C-alpha atoms as a PDB file:
ATOM      1  CA  UNK A   1       4.880  60.321  97.249  1.00  0.00           C
ATOM      2  CA  UNK A   2       2.064  61.630  95.086  1.00  0.00           C
ATOM      3  CA  UNK A   3      -0.800  61.529  97.606  1.00  0.00           C
ATOM      4  CA  UNK A   4       1.168  62.215 100.794  1.00  0.00           C
ATOM      5  CA  UNK A   5      -0.080  65.338 102.572  1.00  0.00           C
ATOM      6  CA  UNK A   6       3.331  66.215 104.002  1.00  0.00           C
ATOM      7  CA  UNK A   7       5.120  65.651 100.673  1.00  0.00           C
ATOM      8  CA  UNK A   8       2.630  68.056  99.093  1.00  0.00           C
ATOM      9  CA  UNK A   9       3.261  70.623 101.859  1.00  0.00           C
ATOM     10  CA  UNK A  10       7.028  70.322 101.330  1.00  0.00           C
ATOM     11  CA  UNK A  11       6.510  70.783  97.576  1.00  0.00           C
ATOM     12  CA  UNK A  12       4.471  73.949  98.210  1.00  0.00           C
ATOM     13  CA  UNK A  13       1.277  72.462  96.756  1.00  0.00           C
ATOM     14  CA  UNK A  14      -0.564  72.861 100.067  1.00  0.00           C
ATOM     15  CA  UNK A  15       0.006  75.942 102.234  1.00  0.00           C
ATOM     16  CA  UNK A  16       1.504  75.613 105.705  1.00  0.00           C
ATOM     17  CA  UNK A  17       2.952  78.008 108.243  1.00  0.00           C
ATOM     18  CA  UNK A  18       6.628  77.122 107.695  1.00  0.00           C
ATOM     19  CA  UNK A  19       8.888  77.793 110.678  1.00  0.00           C
ATOM     20  CA  UNK A  20      12.120  76.102 109.571  1.00  0.00           C
ATOM     21  CA  UNK A  21      13.707  74.565 106.518  1.00  0.00           C
ATOM     22  CA  UNK A  22      17.116  73.219 105.623  1.00  0.00           C
ATOM     23  CA  UNK A  23      18.416  70.881 102.932  1.00  0.00           C
ATOM     24  CA  UNK A  24      16.935  67.765 104.576  1.00  0.00           C
ATOM     25  CA  UNK A  25      14.069  68.860 106.837  1.00  0.00           C
ATOM     26  CA  UNK A  26      10.974  71.038 106.775  1.00  0.00           C
ATOM     27  CA  UNK A  27       9.013  72.237 109.820  1.00  0.00           C
ATOM     28  CA  UNK A  28       5.603  73.842 110.116  1.00  0.00           C
ATOM     29  CA  UNK A  29       2.965  74.675 112.709  1.00  0.00           C
ATOM     30  CA  UNK A  30       0.511  71.888 113.546  1.00  0.00           C
ATOM     31  CA  UNK A  31      -3.045  72.779 112.464  1.00  0.00           C
ATOM     32  CA  UNK A  32      -4.449  71.397 115.738  1.00  0.00           C
ATOM     33  CA  UNK A  33      -1.879  72.444 118.361  1.00  0.00           C
ATOM     34  CA  UNK A  34      -1.768  70.571 121.652  1.00  0.00           C
ATOM     35  CA  UNK A  35       0.568  73.107 123.299  1.00  0.00           C
ATOM     36  CA  UNK A  36       1.536  76.763 122.746  1.00  0.00           C
ATOM     37  CA  UNK A  37       4.366  75.443 120.563  1.00  0.00           C
ATOM     38  CA  UNK A  38       3.346  72.497 118.418  1.00  0.00           C
ATOM     39  CA  UNK A  39       5.532  72.169 115.358  1.00  0.00           C
ATOM     40  CA  UNK A  40       5.888  69.202 113.025  1.00  0.00           C
ATOM     41  CA  UNK A  41       9.380  68.481 111.728  1.00  0.00           C
ATOM     42  CA  UNK A  42       9.496  66.197 108.700  1.00  0.00           C
ATOM     43  CA  UNK A  43      12.250  64.800 106.528  1.00  0.00           C
ATOM     44  CA  UNK A  44      12.016  65.990 102.944  1.00  0.00           C
ATOM     45  CA  UNK A  45      12.561  62.383 101.911  1.00  0.00           C
ATOM     46  CA  UNK A  46       9.346  60.393 102.173  1.00  0.00           C
ATOM     47  CA  UNK A  47       9.601  57.782 104.933  1.00  0.00           C
ATOM     48  CA  UNK A  48       6.245  56.398 106.034  1.00  0.00           C
ATOM     49  CA  UNK A  49       7.151  55.990 109.697  1.00  0.00           C
ATOM     50  CA  UNK A  50       9.983  55.060 112.019  1.00  0.00           C
ATOM     51  CA  UNK A  51       9.215  51.349 111.606  1.00  0.00           C
ATOM     52  CA  UNK A  52       9.856  51.673 107.865  1.00  0.00           C
ATOM     53  CA  UNK A  53      13.051  53.708 108.250  1.00  0.00           C
ATOM     54  CA  UNK A  54      16.238  51.988 107.171  1.00  0.00           C
ATOM     55  CA  UNK A  55      19.752  52.302 108.545  1.00  0.00           C
ATOM     56  CA  UNK A  56      20.458  54.630 105.612  1.00  0.00           C
ATOM     57  CA  UNK A  57      17.787  56.980 107.025  1.00  0.00           C
ATOM     58  CA  UNK A  58      19.516  57.363 110.406  1.00  0.00           C
ATOM     59  CA  UNK A  59      21.071  60.695 109.482  1.00  0.00           C
ATOM     60  CA  UNK A  60      17.838  62.351 108.383  1.00  0.00           C
ATOM     61  CA  UNK A  61      15.929  60.976 111.391  1.00  0.00           C
ATOM     62  CA  UNK A  62      18.571  62.533 113.649  1.00  0.00           C
ATOM     63  CA  UNK A  63      18.470  65.783 111.660  1.00  0.00           C
ATOM     64  CA  UNK A  64      14.732  66.030 112.378  1.00  0.00           C
ATOM     65  CA  UNK A  65      15.477  65.885 116.113  1.00  0.00           C
ATOM     66  CA  UNK A  66      18.236  68.496 115.763  1.00  0.00           C
ATOM     67  CA  UNK A  67      15.905  70.761 113.783  1.00  0.00           C
ATOM     68  CA  UNK A  68      13.341  70.430 116.596  1.00  0.00           C
ATOM     69  CA  UNK A  69      16.020  71.421 119.120  1.00  0.00           C
ATOM     70  CA  UNK A  70      16.944  74.471 117.024  1.00  0.00           C
ATOM     71  CA  UNK A  71      13.310  75.575 116.799  1.00  0.00           C
ATOM     72  CA  UNK A  72      12.985  75.113 120.579  1.00  0.00           C
ATOM     73  CA  UNK A  73      16.040  77.371 121.083  1.00  0.00           C
ATOM     74  CA  UNK A  74      14.611  79.967 118.717  1.00  0.00           C
ATOM     75  CA  UNK A  75      11.344  79.951 120.665  1.00  0.00           C
ATOM     76  CA  UNK A  76      13.007  80.196 124.053  1.00  0.00           C
ATOM     77  CA  UNK A  77      11.759  76.873 125.384  1.00  0.00           C
ATOM     78  CA  UNK A  78      14.496  76.819 128.015  1.00  0.00           C
ATOM     79  CA  UNK A  79      12.256  75.245 130.688  1.00  0.00           C
ATOM     80  CA  UNK A  80      11.764  72.198 128.521  1.00  0.00           C
ATOM     81  CA  UNK A  81       9.970  70.685 125.588  1.00  0.00           C
ATOM     82  CA  UNK A  82       9.042  67.276 124.270  1.00  0.00           C
ATOM     83  CA  UNK A  83       9.658  65.575 120.940  1.00  0.00           C
ATOM     84  CA  UNK A  84       7.332  62.743 119.981  1.00  0.00           C
ATOM     85  CA  UNK A  85       7.281  60.331 117.059  1.00  0.00           C
ATOM     86  CA  UNK A  86       4.062  58.370 116.721  1.00  0.00           C
ATOM     87  CA  UNK A  87       4.385  55.078 114.845  1.00  0.00           C
ATOM     88  CA  UNK A  88       1.226  53.507 113.456  1.00  0.00           C
ATOM     89  CA  UNK A  89      -2.470  54.092 113.976  1.00  0.00           C
ATOM     90  CA  UNK A  90      -2.563  52.706 117.535  1.00  0.00           C
ATOM     91  CA  UNK A  91      -0.016  55.368 118.526  1.00  0.00           C
ATOM     92  CA  UNK A  92      -2.076  58.130 116.911  1.00  0.00           C
ATOM     93  CA  UNK A  93      -0.224  58.491 113.606  1.00  0.00           C
ATOM     94  CA  UNK A  94      -2.682  59.846 111.042  1.00  0.00           C
ATOM     95  CA  UNK A  95      -0.312  61.049 108.310  1.00  0.00           C
ATOM     96  CA  UNK A  96       2.044  58.340 107.138  1.00  0.00           C
ATOM     97  CA  UNK A  97       5.121  60.457 106.555  1.00  0.00           C
ATOM     98  CA  UNK A  98       7.580  60.297 109.433  1.00  0.00           C
ATOM     99  CA  UNK A  99       7.308  63.421 111.582  1.00  0.00           C
ATOM    100  CA  UNK A 100       8.554  64.680 114.912  1.00  0.00           C
ATOM    101  CA  UNK A 101       6.123  66.643 117.071  1.00  0.00           C
ATOM    102  CA  UNK A 102       7.815  69.463 118.979  1.00  0.00           C
ATOM    103  CA  UNK A 103       5.640  70.401 121.970  1.00  0.00           C
ATOM    104  CA  UNK A 104       6.418  73.106 124.496  1.00  0.00           C
ATOM    105  CA  UNK A 105       5.458  76.380 126.084  1.00  0.00           C
ATOM    106  CA  UNK A 106       3.566  74.805 129.005  1.00  0.00           C
ATOM    107  CA  UNK A 107       4.111  72.122 131.600  1.00  0.00           C
ATOM    108  CA  UNK A 108       3.714  68.692 129.982  1.00  0.00           C
ATOM    109  CA  UNK A 109       2.374  65.844 132.098  1.00  0.00           C
ATOM    110  CA  UNK A 110       3.549  62.242 132.088  1.00  0.00           C
ATOM    111  CA  UNK A 111       2.479  59.750 130.934  1.00  0.00           C
ATOM    112  CA  UNK A 112       1.265  61.578 127.841  1.00  0.00           C
ATOM    113  CA  UNK A 113      -1.661  59.347 126.902  1.00  0.00           C
END
């Protein structure tokens, strides 16, 4: 996607603090962290949001969650962490490229918002 911020980060056109990459996913530090660990995990394939994902995207959506779990292990988040996928503007999605927020490093309250 030509004008997608996250596609441009994946392509290396916009700098980001990359923390993980594999064949299907890319992860980087959130610019406005809400916890000591706040990483965004995105599929390299452009998918606007979970509502637009197709059954053929199930594998890459799952791989984003597994990448988040690997980053959590690497960061020693053994007491717990949260993964969040916001879908649409009412849920707080501001960049329309599917992404998983990995939050951890502090106690997280519930409900979140």
